[in-house]
PDB file of all heavy atoms in Angstrom:
ATOM      1  N   LEU A   1       0.811  -1.212   0.000  1.00  0.00           N
ATOM      2  CA  LEU A   1       0.000   0.000   0.000  1.00  0.00           C
ATOM      3  C   LEU A   1       0.844   1.262   0.000  1.00  0.00           C
ATOM      4  O   LEU A   1       0.440   2.278  -0.546  1.00  0.00           O
ATOM      5  CB  LEU A   1      -0.933   0.015   1.213  1.00  0.00           C
ATOM      6  CG  LEU A   1      -2.035  -1.036   1.229  1.00  0.00           C
ATOM      7  CD1 LEU A   1      -2.880  -0.887   2.485  1.00  0.00           C
ATOM      8  CD2 LEU A   1      -2.904  -0.923  -0.002  1.00  0.00           C
ATOM      9  N   GLY A   2       1.998   1.204   0.641  1.00  0.00           N
ATOM     10  CA  GLY A   2       2.848   2.377   0.690  1.00  0.00           C
ATOM     11  C   GLY A   2       2.500   3.322   1.816  1.00  0.00           C
ATOM     12  O   GLY A   2       2.298   4.523   1.593  1.00  0.00           O
ATOM     13  N   VAL A   3       2.434   2.799   3.037  1.00  0.00           N
ATOM     14  CA  VAL A   3       2.126   3.625   4.196  1.00  0.00           C
ATOM     15  C   VAL A   3       3.115   3.328   5.315  1.00  0.00           C
ATOM     16  O   VAL A   3       3.757   2.286   5.345  1.00  0.00           O
ATOM     17  CB  VAL A   3       0.699   3.368   4.729  1.00  0.00           C
ATOM     18  CG1 VAL A   3      -0.343   3.782   3.721  1.00  0.00           C
ATOM     19  CG2 VAL A   3       0.521   1.903   5.123  1.00  0.00           C
ATOM     20  N   VAL A   4       3.247   4.268   6.238  1.00  0.00           N
ATOM     21  CA  VAL A   4       4.001   4.065   7.469  1.00  0.00           C
ATOM     22  C   VAL A   4       2.998   3.984   8.604  1.00  0.00           C
ATOM     23  O   VAL A   4       2.152   4.873   8.761  1.00  0.00           O
ATOM     24  CB  VAL A   4       4.987   5.223   7.725  1.00  0.00           C
ATOM     25  CG1 VAL A   4       5.672   5.046   9.073  1.00  0.00           C
ATOM     26  CG2 VAL A   4       6.012   5.291   6.614  1.00  0.00           C
ATOM     27  N   LEU A   5       3.072   2.884   9.377  1.00  0.00           N
ATOM     28  CA  LEU A   5       2.117   2.656  10.458  1.00  0.00           C
ATOM     29  C   LEU A   5       2.777   2.801  11.811  1.00  0.00           C
ATOM     30  O   LEU A   5       3.961   2.508  11.978  1.00  0.00           O
ATOM     31  CB  LEU A   5       1.556   1.236  10.376  1.00  0.00           C
ATOM     32  CG  LEU A   5       0.701   0.865   9.183  1.00  0.00           C
ATOM     33  CD1 LEU A   5       0.286  -0.586   9.291  1.00  0.00           C
ATOM     34  CD2 LEU A   5      -0.502   1.765   9.100  1.00  0.00           C
ATOM     35  N   ASN A   6       2.008   3.243  12.786  1.00  0.00           N
ATOM     36  CA  ASN A   6       2.418   3.121  14.173  1.00  0.00           C
ATOM     37  C   ASN A   6       2.100   1.690  14.597  1.00  0.00           C
ATOM     38  O   ASN A   6       0.934   1.286  14.585  1.00  0.00           O
ATOM     39  CB  ASN A   6       1.647   4.115  15.047  1.00  0.00           C
ATOM     40  CG  ASN A   6       2.118   4.084  16.488  1.00  0.00           C
ATOM     41  OD1 ASN A   6       2.040   3.055  17.149  1.00  0.00           O
ATOM     42  ND2 ASN A   6       2.594   5.207  16.954  1.00  0.00           N
ATOM     43  N   ALA A   7       3.115   0.932  14.951  1.00  0.00           N
ATOM     44  CA  ALA A   7       2.919  -0.492  15.227  1.00  0.00           C
ATOM     45  C   ALA A   7       2.062  -0.735  16.451  1.00  0.00           C
ATOM     46  O   ALA A   7       1.477  -1.804  16.591  1.00  0.00           O
ATOM     47  CB  ALA A   7       4.284  -1.169  15.406  1.00  0.00           C
ATOM     48  N   ALA A   8       1.981   0.249  17.355  1.00  0.00           N
ATOM     49  CA  ALA A   8       1.172   0.063  18.558  1.00  0.00           C
ATOM     50  C   ALA A   8      -0.301   0.314  18.301  1.00  0.00           C
ATOM     51  O   ALA A   8      -1.160  -0.376  18.847  1.00  0.00           O
ATOM     52  CB  ALA A   8       1.673   0.983  19.671  1.00  0.00           C
ATOM     53  N   THR A   9      -0.600   1.303  17.466  1.00  0.00           N
ATOM     54  CA  THR A   9      -2.000   1.685  17.251  1.00  0.00           C
ATOM     55  C   THR A   9      -2.548   1.254  15.902  1.00  0.00           C
ATOM     56  O   THR A   9      -3.757   1.293  15.688  1.00  0.00           O
ATOM     57  CB  THR A   9      -2.157   3.206  17.369  1.00  0.00           C
ATOM     58  OG1 THR A   9      -1.433   3.829  16.305  1.00  0.00           O
ATOM     59  CG2 THR A   9      -1.634   3.710  18.706  1.00  0.00           C
ATOM     60  N   MET A  10      -1.675   0.876  14.967  1.00  0.00           N
ATOM     61  CA  MET A  10      -2.077   0.503  13.612  1.00  0.00           C
ATOM     62  C   MET A  10      -2.768   1.647  12.888  1.00  0.00           C
ATOM     63  O   MET A  10      -3.680   1.427  12.085  1.00  0.00           O
ATOM     64  CB  MET A  10      -2.972  -0.741  13.624  1.00  0.00           C
ATOM     65  CG  MET A  10      -2.318  -1.931  14.277  1.00  0.00           C
ATOM     66  SD  MET A  10      -0.683  -2.284  13.602  1.00  0.00           S
ATOM     67  CE  MET A  10      -0.203  -3.678  14.618  1.00  0.00           C
ATOM     68  N   VAL A  11      -2.376   2.849  13.199  1.00  0.00           N
ATOM     69  CA  VAL A  11      -2.891   4.034  12.530  1.00  0.00           C
ATOM     70  C   VAL A  11      -1.870   4.496  11.504  1.00  0.00           C
ATOM     71  O   VAL A  11      -0.661   4.435  11.741  1.00  0.00           O
ATOM     72  CB  VAL A  11      -3.145   5.166  13.556  1.00  0.00           C
ATOM     73  CG1 VAL A  11      -3.507   6.471  12.854  1.00  0.00           C
ATOM     74  CG2 VAL A  11      -4.268   4.760  14.508  1.00  0.00           C
ATOM     75  N   VAL A  12      -2.340   4.957  10.353  1.00  0.00           N
ATOM     76  CA  VAL A  12      -1.443   5.433   9.301  1.00  0.00           C
ATOM     77  C   VAL A  12      -0.724   6.697   9.773  1.00  0.00           C
ATOM     78  O   VAL A  12      -1.365   7.685  10.141  1.00  0.00           O
ATOM     79  CB  VAL A  12      -2.227   5.730   8.005  1.00  0.00           C
ATOM     80  CG1 VAL A  12      -1.296   6.326   6.948  1.00  0.00           C
ATOM     81  CG2 VAL A  12      -2.884   4.460   7.483  1.00  0.00           C
ATOM     82  N   GLU A  13       0.608   6.657   9.767  1.00  0.00           N
ATOM     83  CA  GLU A  13       1.415   7.820  10.140  1.00  0.00           C
ATOM     84  C   GLU A  13       1.775   8.658   8.911  1.00  0.00           C
ATOM     85  O   GLU A  13       1.765   9.881   8.968  1.00  0.00           O
ATOM     86  CB  GLU A  13       2.703   7.357  10.832  1.00  0.00           C
ATOM     87  CG  GLU A  13       2.466   6.576  12.115  1.00  0.00           C
ATOM     88  CD  GLU A  13       2.541   7.457  13.332  1.00  0.00           C
ATOM     89  OE1 GLU A  13       3.232   8.484  13.271  1.00  0.00           O
ATOM     90  OE2 GLU A  13       1.913   7.105  14.350  1.00  0.00           O
ATOM     91  N   GLN A  14       2.104   7.968   7.828  1.00  0.00           N
ATOM     92  CA  GLN A  14       2.490   8.657   6.605  1.00  0.00           C
ATOM     93  C   GLN A  14       1.982   7.877   5.398  1.00  0.00           C
ATOM     94  O   GLN A  14       1.794   6.667   5.464  1.00  0.00           O
ATOM     95  CB  GLN A  14       4.017   8.792   6.489  1.00  0.00           C
ATOM     96  CG  GLN A  14       4.680   9.585   7.607  1.00  0.00           C
ATOM     97  CD  GLN A  14       6.189   9.584   7.451  1.00  0.00           C
ATOM     98  OE1 GLN A  14       6.723   9.387   6.356  1.00  0.00           O
ATOM     99  NE2 GLN A  14       6.882   9.805   8.562  1.00  0.00           N
ATOM    100  N   VAL A  15       1.765   8.601   4.310  1.00  0.00           N
ATOM    101  CA  VAL A  15       1.378   7.993   3.038  1.00  0.00           C
ATOM    102  C   VAL A  15       2.392   8.417   1.989  1.00  0.00           C
ATOM    103  O   VAL A  15       2.648   9.610   1.802  1.00  0.00           O
ATOM    104  CB  VAL A  15      -0.030   8.444   2.604  1.00  0.00           C
ATOM    105  CG1 VAL A  15      -0.389   7.852   1.240  1.00  0.00           C
ATOM    106  CG2 VAL A  15      -1.069   8.026   3.651  1.00  0.00           C
ATOM    107  N   ARG A  16       3.000   7.464   1.319  1.00  0.00           N
ATOM    108  CA  ARG A  16       4.031   7.766   0.326  1.00  0.00           C
ATOM    109  C   ARG A  16       3.415   8.331  -0.946  1.00  0.00           C
ATOM    110  O   ARG A  16       2.400   7.828  -1.437  1.00  0.00           O
ATOM    111  CB  ARG A  16       4.828   6.504  -0.006  1.00  0.00           C
ATOM    112  CG  ARG A  16       5.691   6.019   1.147  1.00  0.00           C
ATOM    113  CD  ARG A  16       6.453   4.772   0.756  1.00  0.00           C
ATOM    114  NE  ARG A  16       7.401   4.400   1.782  1.00  0.00           N
ATOM    115  CZ  ARG A  16       8.131   3.288   1.735  1.00  0.00           C
ATOM    116  NH1 ARG A  16       7.981   2.454   0.719  1.00  0.00           N
ATOM    117  NH2 ARG A  16       8.983   3.024   2.699  1.00  0.00           N
ATOM    118  N   GLN A  17       4.044   9.353  -1.464  1.00  0.00           N
ATOM    119  CA  GLN A  17       3.572   9.946  -2.710  1.00  0.00           C
ATOM    120  C   GLN A  17       3.651   8.926  -3.837  1.00  0.00           C
ATOM    121  O   GLN A  17       4.616   8.187  -3.960  1.00  0.00           O
ATOM    122  CB  GLN A  17       4.419  11.179  -3.065  1.00  0.00           C
ATOM    123  CG  GLN A  17       4.213  12.352  -2.125  1.00  0.00           C
ATOM    124  CD  GLN A  17       4.965  13.582  -2.590  1.00  0.00           C
ATOM    125  OE1 GLN A  17       5.755  13.533  -3.532  1.00  0.00           O
ATOM    126  NE2 GLN A  17       4.716  14.703  -1.912  1.00  0.00           N
ATOM    127  N   GLY A  18       2.612   8.913  -4.674  1.00  0.00           N
ATOM    128  CA  GLY A  18       2.595   8.018  -5.820  1.00  0.00           C
ATOM    129  C   GLY A  18       2.252   6.585  -5.490  1.00  0.00           C
ATOM    130  O   GLY A  18       2.203   5.743  -6.392  1.00  0.00           O
ATOM    131  N   SER A  19       2.014   6.277  -4.229  1.00  0.00           N
ATOM    132  CA  SER A  19       1.703   4.895  -3.833  1.00  0.00           C
ATOM    133  C   SER A  19       0.227   4.589  -4.052  1.00  0.00           C
ATOM    134  O   SER A  19      -0.587   5.470  -4.337  1.00  0.00           O
ATOM    135  CB  SER A  19       2.043   4.688  -2.356  1.00  0.00           C
ATOM    136  OG  SER A  19       1.185   5.474  -1.546  1.00  0.00           O
ATOM    137  N   ILE A  20      -0.107   3.300  -3.928  1.00  0.00           N
ATOM    138  CA  ILE A  20      -1.507   2.900  -4.005  1.00  0.00           C
ATOM    139  C   ILE A  20      -2.314   3.625  -2.936  1.00  0.00           C
ATOM    140  O   ILE A  20      -3.417   4.108  -3.186  1.00  0.00           O
ATOM    141  CB  ILE A  20      -1.651   1.375  -3.831  1.00  0.00           C
ATOM    142  CG1 ILE A  20      -1.114   0.647  -5.055  1.00  0.00           C
ATOM    143  CG2 ILE A  20      -3.108   0.993  -3.596  1.00  0.00           C
ATOM    144  CD1 ILE A  20      -1.208  -0.850  -4.950  1.00  0.00           C
ATOM    145  N   ALA A  21      -1.754   3.699  -1.731  1.00  0.00           N
ATOM    146  CA  ALA A  21      -2.464   4.362  -0.636  1.00  0.00           C
ATOM    147  C   ALA A  21      -2.811   5.799  -0.989  1.00  0.00           C
ATOM    148  O   ALA A  21      -3.920   6.267  -0.726  1.00  0.00           O
ATOM    149  CB  ALA A  21      -1.618   4.314   0.630  1.00  0.00           C
ATOM    150  N   ALA A  22      -1.861   6.505  -1.600  1.00  0.00           N
ATOM    151  CA  ALA A  22      -2.110   7.892  -1.990  1.00  0.00           C
ATOM    152  C   ALA A  22      -3.167   7.965  -3.084  1.00  0.00           C
ATOM    153  O   ALA A  22      -4.029   8.853  -3.086  1.00  0.00           O
ATOM    154  CB  ALA A  22      -0.816   8.546  -2.453  1.00  0.00           C
ATOM    155  N   THR A  23      -3.117   7.033  -4.018  1.00  0.00           N
ATOM    156  CA  THR A  23      -4.045   7.052  -5.143  1.00  0.00           C
ATOM    157  C   THR A  23      -5.487   6.797  -4.707  1.00  0.00           C
ATOM    158  O   THR A  23      -6.414   7.432  -5.220  1.00  0.00           O
ATOM    159  CB  THR A  23      -3.636   5.995  -6.184  1.00  0.00           C
ATOM    160  OG1 THR A  23      -2.303   6.256  -6.602  1.00  0.00           O
ATOM    161  CG2 THR A  23      -4.561   6.036  -7.396  1.00  0.00           C
ATOM    162  N   ILE A  24      -5.690   5.893  -3.745  1.00  0.00           N
ATOM    163  CA  ILE A  24      -7.054   5.587  -3.321  1.00  0.00           C
ATOM    164  C   ILE A  24      -7.549   6.558  -2.256  1.00  0.00           C
ATOM    165  O   ILE A  24      -8.709   6.481  -1.829  1.00  0.00           O
ATOM    166  CB  ILE A  24      -7.178   4.142  -2.806  1.00  0.00           C
ATOM    167  CG1 ILE A  24      -6.386   3.947  -1.513  1.00  0.00           C
ATOM    168  CG2 ILE A  24      -6.766   3.152  -3.875  1.00  0.00           C
ATOM    169  CD1 ILE A  24      -6.592   2.575  -0.881  1.00  0.00           C
TER     170      ILE A  24
END
């Protein structure tokens, strides 16, 4: 997906530009 997660909370910390995550 292209994201950075906080491993404790499983919340998206960052979304990489041009990634699937950014596109959706």
